[in-house]
PDB file of N, CA and C in Angstrom:
ATOM      1  N   UNK A   1     114.457  87.644  52.535  1.00  0.00           N
ATOM      2  CA  UNK A   1     114.640  86.667  53.590  1.00  0.00           C
ATOM      3  C   UNK A   1     115.910  87.030  54.359  1.00  0.00           C
ATOM      4  N   UNK A   2     115.825  87.007  55.684  1.00  0.00           N
ATOM      5  CA  UNK A   2     116.977  87.367  56.504  1.00  0.00           C
ATOM      6  C   UNK A   2     117.905  86.171  56.689  1.00  0.00           C
ATOM      7  N   UNK A   3     119.088  86.456  57.206  1.00  0.00           N
ATOM      8  CA  UNK A   3     120.062  85.394  57.450  1.00  0.00           C
ATOM      9  C   UNK A   3     119.503  84.339  58.398  1.00  0.00           C
ATOM     10  N   UNK A   4     118.816  84.778  59.458  1.00  0.00           N
ATOM     11  CA  UNK A   4     118.288  83.803  60.429  1.00  0.00           C
ATOM     12  C   UNK A   4     117.238  82.915  59.786  1.00  0.00           C
ATOM     13  N   UNK A   5     116.445  83.483  58.890  1.00  0.00           N
ATOM     14  CA  UNK A   5     115.422  82.680  58.210  1.00  0.00           C
ATOM     15  C   UNK A   5     116.068  81.633  57.315  1.00  0.00           C
ATOM     16  N   UNK A   6     117.140  81.994  56.631  1.00  0.00           N
ATOM     17  CA  UNK A   6     117.854  81.028  55.800  1.00  0.00           C
ATOM     18  C   UNK A   6     118.476  79.935  56.660  1.00  0.00           C
ATOM     19  N   UNK A   7     119.034  80.310  57.788  1.00  0.00           N
ATOM     20  CA  UNK A   7     119.640  79.333  58.688  1.00  0.00           C
ATOM     21  C   UNK A   7     118.584  78.424  59.298  1.00  0.00           C
ATOM     22  N   UNK A   8     117.427  78.986  59.631  1.00  0.00           N
ATOM     23  CA  UNK A   8     116.347  78.190  60.219  1.00  0.00           C
ATOM     24  C   UNK A   8     115.879  77.101  59.265  1.00  0.00           C
ATOM     25  N   UNK A   9     115.801  77.426  58.003  1.00  0.00           N
ATOM     26  CA  UNK A   9     115.325  76.442  57.027  1.00  0.00           C
ATOM     27  C   UNK A   9     116.141  75.158  57.083  1.00  0.00           C
ATOM     28  N   UNK A  10     117.426  75.274  57.310  1.00  0.00           N
ATOM     29  CA  UNK A  10     118.284  74.102  57.317  1.00  0.00           C
ATOM     30  C   UNK A  10     118.391  73.404  58.653  1.00  0.00           C
ATOM     31  N   UNK A  11     118.078  74.102  59.738  1.00  0.00           N
ATOM     32  CA  UNK A  11     118.316  73.549  61.073  1.00  0.00           C
ATOM     33  C   UNK A  11     117.097  73.635  61.979  1.00  0.00           C
ATOM     34  N   UNK A  12     115.917  73.753  61.423  1.00  0.00           N
ATOM     35  CA  UNK A  12     114.735  74.000  62.245  1.00  0.00           C
ATOM     36  C   UNK A  12     114.486  72.889  63.259  1.00  0.00           C
ATOM     37  N   UNK A  13     114.655  71.642  62.882  1.00  0.00           N
ATOM     38  CA  UNK A  13     114.386  70.550  63.820  1.00  0.00           C
ATOM     39  C   UNK A  13     115.339  70.597  65.006  1.00  0.00           C
ATOM     40  N   UNK A  14     116.590  70.894  64.751  1.00  0.00           N
ATOM     41  CA  UNK A  14     117.584  71.018  65.819  1.00  0.00           C
ATOM     42  C   UNK A  14     117.228  72.182  66.745  1.00  0.00           C
ATOM     43  N   UNK A  15     116.863  73.320  66.162  1.00  0.00           N
ATOM     44  CA  UNK A  15     116.494  74.502  66.944  1.00  0.00           C
ATOM     45  C   UNK A  15     115.251  74.217  67.777  1.00  0.00           C
ATOM     46  N   UNK A  16     114.258  73.580  67.185  1.00  0.00           N
ATOM     47  CA  UNK A  16     113.031  73.263  67.921  1.00  0.00           C
ATOM     48  C   UNK A  16     113.333  72.370  69.122  1.00  0.00           C
ATOM     49  N   UNK A  17     114.191  71.382  68.940  1.00  0.00           N
ATOM     50  CA  UNK A  17     114.556  70.496  70.043  1.00  0.00           C
ATOM     51  C   UNK A  17     115.256  71.238  71.161  1.00  0.00           C
ATOM     52  N   UNK A  18     116.167  72.114  70.815  1.00  0.00           N
ATOM     53  CA  UNK A  18     116.900  72.882  71.820  1.00  0.00           C
ATOM     54  C   UNK A  18     115.975  73.840  72.562  1.00  0.00           C
ATOM     55  N   UNK A  19     115.031  74.457  71.827  1.00  0.00           N
ATOM     56  CA  UNK A  19     114.079  75.359  72.477  1.00  0.00           C
ATOM     57  C   UNK A  19     113.167  74.593  73.432  1.00  0.00           C
ATOM     58  N   UNK A  20     112.742  73.397  73.040  1.00  0.00           N
ATOM     59  CA  UNK A  20     111.891  72.582  73.913  1.00  0.00           C
ATOM     60  C   UNK A  20     112.635  72.173  75.182  1.00  0.00           C
ATOM     61  N   UNK A  21     113.921  71.892  75.061  1.00  0.00           N
ATOM     62  CA  UNK A  21     114.714  71.546  76.239  1.00  0.00           C
ATOM     63  C   UNK A  21     114.837  72.734  77.182  1.00  0.00           C
ATOM     64  N   UNK A  22     115.038  73.901  76.620  1.00  0.00           N
ATOM     65  CA  UNK A  22     115.242  75.100  77.438  1.00  0.00           C
ATOM     66  C   UNK A  22     113.933  75.624  78.017  1.00  0.00           C
ATOM     67  N   UNK A  23     112.856  75.541  77.241  1.00  0.00           N
ATOM     68  CA  UNK A  23     111.545  76.064  77.658  1.00  0.00           C
ATOM     69  C   UNK A  23     110.536  74.924  77.618  1.00  0.00           C
ATOM     70  N   UNK A  24     110.397  74.236  78.728  1.00  0.00           N
ATOM     71  CA  UNK A  24     109.550  73.042  78.797  1.00  0.00           C
ATOM     72  C   UNK A  24     108.087  73.347  78.496  1.00  0.00           C
ATOM     73  N   UNK A  25     107.674  74.581  78.629  1.00  0.00           N
ATOM     74  CA  UNK A  25     106.273  74.933  78.393  1.00  0.00           C
ATOM     75  C   UNK A  25     105.908  74.993  76.907  1.00  0.00           C
ATOM     76  N   UNK A  26     106.907  74.968  76.019  1.00  0.00           N
ATOM     77  CA  UNK A  26     106.636  75.041  74.579  1.00  0.00           C
ATOM     78  C   UNK A  26     106.047  73.716  74.079  1.00  0.00           C
ATOM     79  N   UNK A  27     105.049  73.832  73.237  1.00  0.00           N
ATOM     80  CA  UNK A  27     104.418  72.660  72.638  1.00  0.00           C
ATOM     81  C   UNK A  27     104.829  72.546  71.173  1.00  0.00           C
ATOM     82  N   UNK A  28     104.476  71.427  70.559  1.00  0.00           N
ATOM     83  CA  UNK A  28     104.742  71.262  69.125  1.00  0.00           C
ATOM     84  C   UNK A  28     104.027  72.336  68.316  1.00  0.00           C
ATOM     85  N   UNK A  29     102.812  72.716  68.747  1.00  0.00           N
ATOM     86  CA  UNK A  29     102.076  73.779  68.048  1.00  0.00           C
ATOM     87  C   UNK A  29     102.805  75.115  68.142  1.00  0.00           C
ATOM     88  N   UNK A  30     103.379  75.395  69.302  1.00  0.00           N
ATOM     89  CA  UNK A  30     104.138  76.640  69.470  1.00  0.00           C
ATOM     90  C   UNK A  30     105.333  76.677  68.526  1.00  0.00           C
ATOM     91  N   UNK A  31     105.912  75.510  68.273  1.00  0.00           N
ATOM     92  CA  UNK A  31     107.134  75.423  67.483  1.00  0.00           C
ATOM     93  C   UNK A  31     106.894  75.098  66.018  1.00  0.00           C
ATOM     94  N   UNK A  32     105.643  75.123  65.591  1.00  0.00           N
ATOM     95  CA  UNK A  32     105.326  74.841  64.194  1.00  0.00           C
ATOM     96  C   UNK A  32     105.953  75.934  63.322  1.00  0.00           C
ATOM     97  N   UNK A  33     106.700  75.510  62.330  1.00  0.00           N
ATOM     98  CA  UNK A  33     107.428  76.441  61.464  1.00  0.00           C
ATOM     99  C   UNK A  33     107.193  76.078  60.010  1.00  0.00           C
ATOM    100  N   UNK A  34     106.863  77.081  59.216  1.00  0.00           N
ATOM    101  CA  UNK A  34     106.742  76.902  57.779  1.00  0.00           C
ATOM    102  C   UNK A  34     107.540  78.000  57.096  1.00  0.00           C
ATOM    103  N   UNK A  35     108.228  77.623  56.048  1.00  0.00           N
ATOM    104  CA  UNK A  35     108.993  78.602  55.282  1.00  0.00           C
ATOM    105  C   UNK A  35     108.067  79.730  54.843  1.00  0.00           C
ATOM    106  N   UNK A  36     108.508  80.952  55.015  1.00  0.00           N
ATOM    107  CA  UNK A  36     107.708  82.115  54.660  1.00  0.00           C
ATOM    108  C   UNK A  36     106.791  82.591  55.768  1.00  0.00           C
ATOM    109  N   UNK A  37     106.728  81.858  56.885  1.00  0.00           N
ATOM    110  CA  UNK A  37     105.839  82.202  57.996  1.00  0.00           C
ATOM    111  C   UNK A  37     106.654  82.500  59.266  1.00  0.00           C
ATOM    112  N   UNK A  38     107.820  83.083  59.084  1.00  0.00           N
ATOM    113  CA  UNK A  38     108.716  83.330  60.200  1.00  0.00           C
ATOM    114  C   UNK A  38     108.112  84.288  61.228  1.00  0.00           C
ATOM    115  N   UNK A  39     107.382  85.315  60.773  1.00  0.00           N
ATOM    116  CA  UNK A  39     106.791  86.270  61.710  1.00  0.00           C
ATOM    117  C   UNK A  39     105.823  85.587  62.658  1.00  0.00           C
ATOM    118  N   UNK A  40     105.029  84.662  62.144  1.00  0.00           N
ATOM    119  CA  UNK A  40     104.098  83.927  62.983  1.00  0.00           C
ATOM    120  C   UNK A  40     104.846  83.049  63.982  1.00  0.00           C
ATOM    121  N   UNK A  41     105.909  82.399  63.524  1.00  0.00           N
ATOM    122  CA  UNK A  41     106.741  81.559  64.389  1.00  0.00           C
ATOM    123  C   UNK A  41     107.293  82.379  65.550  1.00  0.00           C
ATOM    124  N   UNK A  42     107.919  83.513  65.229  1.00  0.00           N
ATOM    125  CA  UNK A  42     108.491  84.345  66.275  1.00  0.00           C
ATOM    126  C   UNK A  42     107.406  84.970  67.153  1.00  0.00           C
ATOM    127  N   UNK A  43     106.257  85.291  66.586  1.00  0.00           N
ATOM    128  CA  UNK A  43     105.153  85.839  67.373  1.00  0.00           C
ATOM    129  C   UNK A  43     104.649  84.855  68.416  1.00  0.00           C
ATOM    130  N   UNK A  44     104.502  83.576  68.023  1.00  0.00           N
ATOM    131  CA  UNK A  44     104.065  82.557  68.988  1.00  0.00           C
ATOM    132  C   UNK A  44     105.084  82.400  70.105  1.00  0.00           C
ATOM    133  N   UNK A  45     106.358  82.356  69.754  1.00  0.00           N
ATOM    134  CA  UNK A  45     107.404  82.221  70.770  1.00  0.00           C
ATOM    135  C   UNK A  45     107.434  83.443  71.684  1.00  0.00           C
ATOM    136  N   UNK A  46     107.269  84.600  71.096  1.00  0.00           N
ATOM    137  CA  UNK A  46     107.281  85.843  71.873  1.00  0.00           C
ATOM    138  C   UNK A  46     106.172  85.823  72.930  1.00  0.00           C
ATOM    139  N   UNK A  47     104.977  85.423  72.531  1.00  0.00           N
ATOM    140  CA  UNK A  47     103.844  85.354  73.468  1.00  0.00           C
ATOM    141  C   UNK A  47     104.062  84.287  74.537  1.00  0.00           C
ATOM    142  N   UNK A  48     104.554  83.142  74.147  1.00  0.00           N
ATOM    143  CA  UNK A  48     104.685  82.011  75.067  1.00  0.00           C
ATOM    144  C   UNK A  48     105.850  82.186  76.044  1.00  0.00           C
ATOM    145  N   UNK A  49     106.984  82.680  75.566  1.00  0.00           N
ATOM    146  CA  UNK A  49     108.184  82.796  76.389  1.00  0.00           C
ATOM    147  C   UNK A  49     108.277  84.154  77.076  1.00  0.00           C
ATOM    148  N   UNK A  50     107.736  85.183  76.435  1.00  0.00           N
ATOM    149  CA  UNK A  50     107.775  86.513  77.022  1.00  0.00           C
ATOM    150  C   UNK A  50     109.025  87.307  76.684  1.00  0.00           C
ATOM    151  N   UNK A  51     109.723  86.901  75.632  1.00  0.00           N
ATOM    152  CA  UNK A  51     110.896  87.645  75.178  1.00  0.00           C
ATOM    153  C   UNK A  51     110.555  88.392  73.900  1.00  0.00           C
ATOM    154  N   UNK A  52     111.304  89.454  73.632  1.00  0.00           N
ATOM    155  CA  UNK A  52     111.075  90.220  72.407  1.00  0.00           C
ATOM    156  C   UNK A  52     111.563  89.425  71.199  1.00  0.00           C
ATOM    157  N   UNK A  53     111.067  89.800  70.024  1.00  0.00           N
ATOM    158  CA  UNK A  53     111.500  89.127  68.798  1.00  0.00           C
ATOM    159  C   UNK A  53     112.999  89.272  68.589  1.00  0.00           C
ATOM    160  N   UNK A  54     113.549  90.434  68.895  1.00  0.00           N
ATOM    161  CA  UNK A  54     114.991  90.618  68.716  1.00  0.00           C
ATOM    162  C   UNK A  54     115.779  89.720  69.673  1.00  0.00           C
ATOM    163  N   UNK A  55     115.300  89.573  70.905  1.00  0.00           N
ATOM    164  CA  UNK A  55     115.963  88.668  71.852  1.00  0.00           C
ATOM    165  C   UNK A  55     115.858  87.222  71.379  1.00  0.00           C
ATOM    166  N   UNK A  56     114.685  86.842  70.867  1.00  0.00           N
ATOM    167  CA  UNK A  56     114.501  85.478  70.363  1.00  0.00           C
ATOM    168  C   UNK A  56     115.385  85.207  69.156  1.00  0.00           C
ATOM    169  N   UNK A  57     115.468  86.169  68.254  1.00  0.00           N
ATOM    170  CA  UNK A  57     116.338  85.997  67.084  1.00  0.00           C
ATOM    171  C   UNK A  57     117.791  85.794  67.513  1.00  0.00           C
ATOM    172  N   UNK A  58     118.239  86.575  68.496  1.00  0.00           N
ATOM    173  CA  UNK A  58     119.616  86.440  68.991  1.00  0.00           C
ATOM    174  C   UNK A  58     119.813  85.072  69.638  1.00  0.00           C
ATOM    175  N   UNK A  59     118.851  84.636  70.433  1.00  0.00           N
ATOM    176  CA  UNK A  59     118.956  83.340  71.092  1.00  0.00           C
ATOM    177  C   UNK A  59     118.978  82.198  70.075  1.00  0.00           C
ATOM    178  N   UNK A  60     118.120  82.274  69.086  1.00  0.00           N
ATOM    179  CA  UNK A  60     118.062  81.225  68.064  1.00  0.00           C
ATOM    180  C   UNK A  60     119.339  81.222  67.219  1.00  0.00           C
ATOM    181  N   UNK A  61     119.869  82.411  66.926  1.00  0.00           N
ATOM    182  CA  UNK A  61     121.131  82.486  66.200  1.00  0.00           C
ATOM    183  C   UNK A  61     122.232  81.796  66.994  1.00  0.00           C
ATOM    184  N   UNK A  62     122.244  82.016  68.302  1.00  0.00           N
ATOM    185  CA  UNK A  62     123.231  81.350  69.155  1.00  0.00           C
ATOM    186  C   UNK A  62     123.042  79.847  69.144  1.00  0.00           C
ATOM    187  N   UNK A  63     121.792  79.380  69.179  1.00  0.00           N
ATOM    188  CA  UNK A  63     121.522  77.937  69.128  1.00  0.00           C
ATOM    189  C   UNK A  63     121.990  77.328  67.812  1.00  0.00           C
ATOM    190  N   UNK A  64     121.792  78.035  66.729  1.00  0.00           N
ATOM    191  CA  UNK A  64     122.198  77.557  65.414  1.00  0.00           C
ATOM    192  C   UNK A  64     123.714  77.429  65.328  1.00  0.00           C
ATOM    193  N   UNK A  65     124.408  78.359  65.960  1.00  0.00           N
ATOM    194  CA  UNK A  65     125.861  78.409  65.847  1.00  0.00           C
ATOM    195  C   UNK A  65     126.597  77.580  66.891  1.00  0.00           C
ATOM    196  N   UNK A  66     125.876  76.871  67.750  1.00  0.00           N
ATOM    197  CA  UNK A  66     126.540  76.030  68.762  1.00  0.00           C
ATOM    198  C   UNK A  66     127.223  74.845  68.130  1.00  0.00           C
TER     199      UNK A  66
END
């Protein structure tokens, strides 16, 4: 498990809210997160937002650390 995955487990609701504010097109289904299913989570965001997984990981890390 990566550092971002460990951080997501504790702050997922906060991250989901911030992502919804920034990207109004995201739905609850897009933001569905389950422990151990991080690749699917990032894949849905990648398709919906159009950013690479590495860019999304960096953005989410920044959101977590705000």
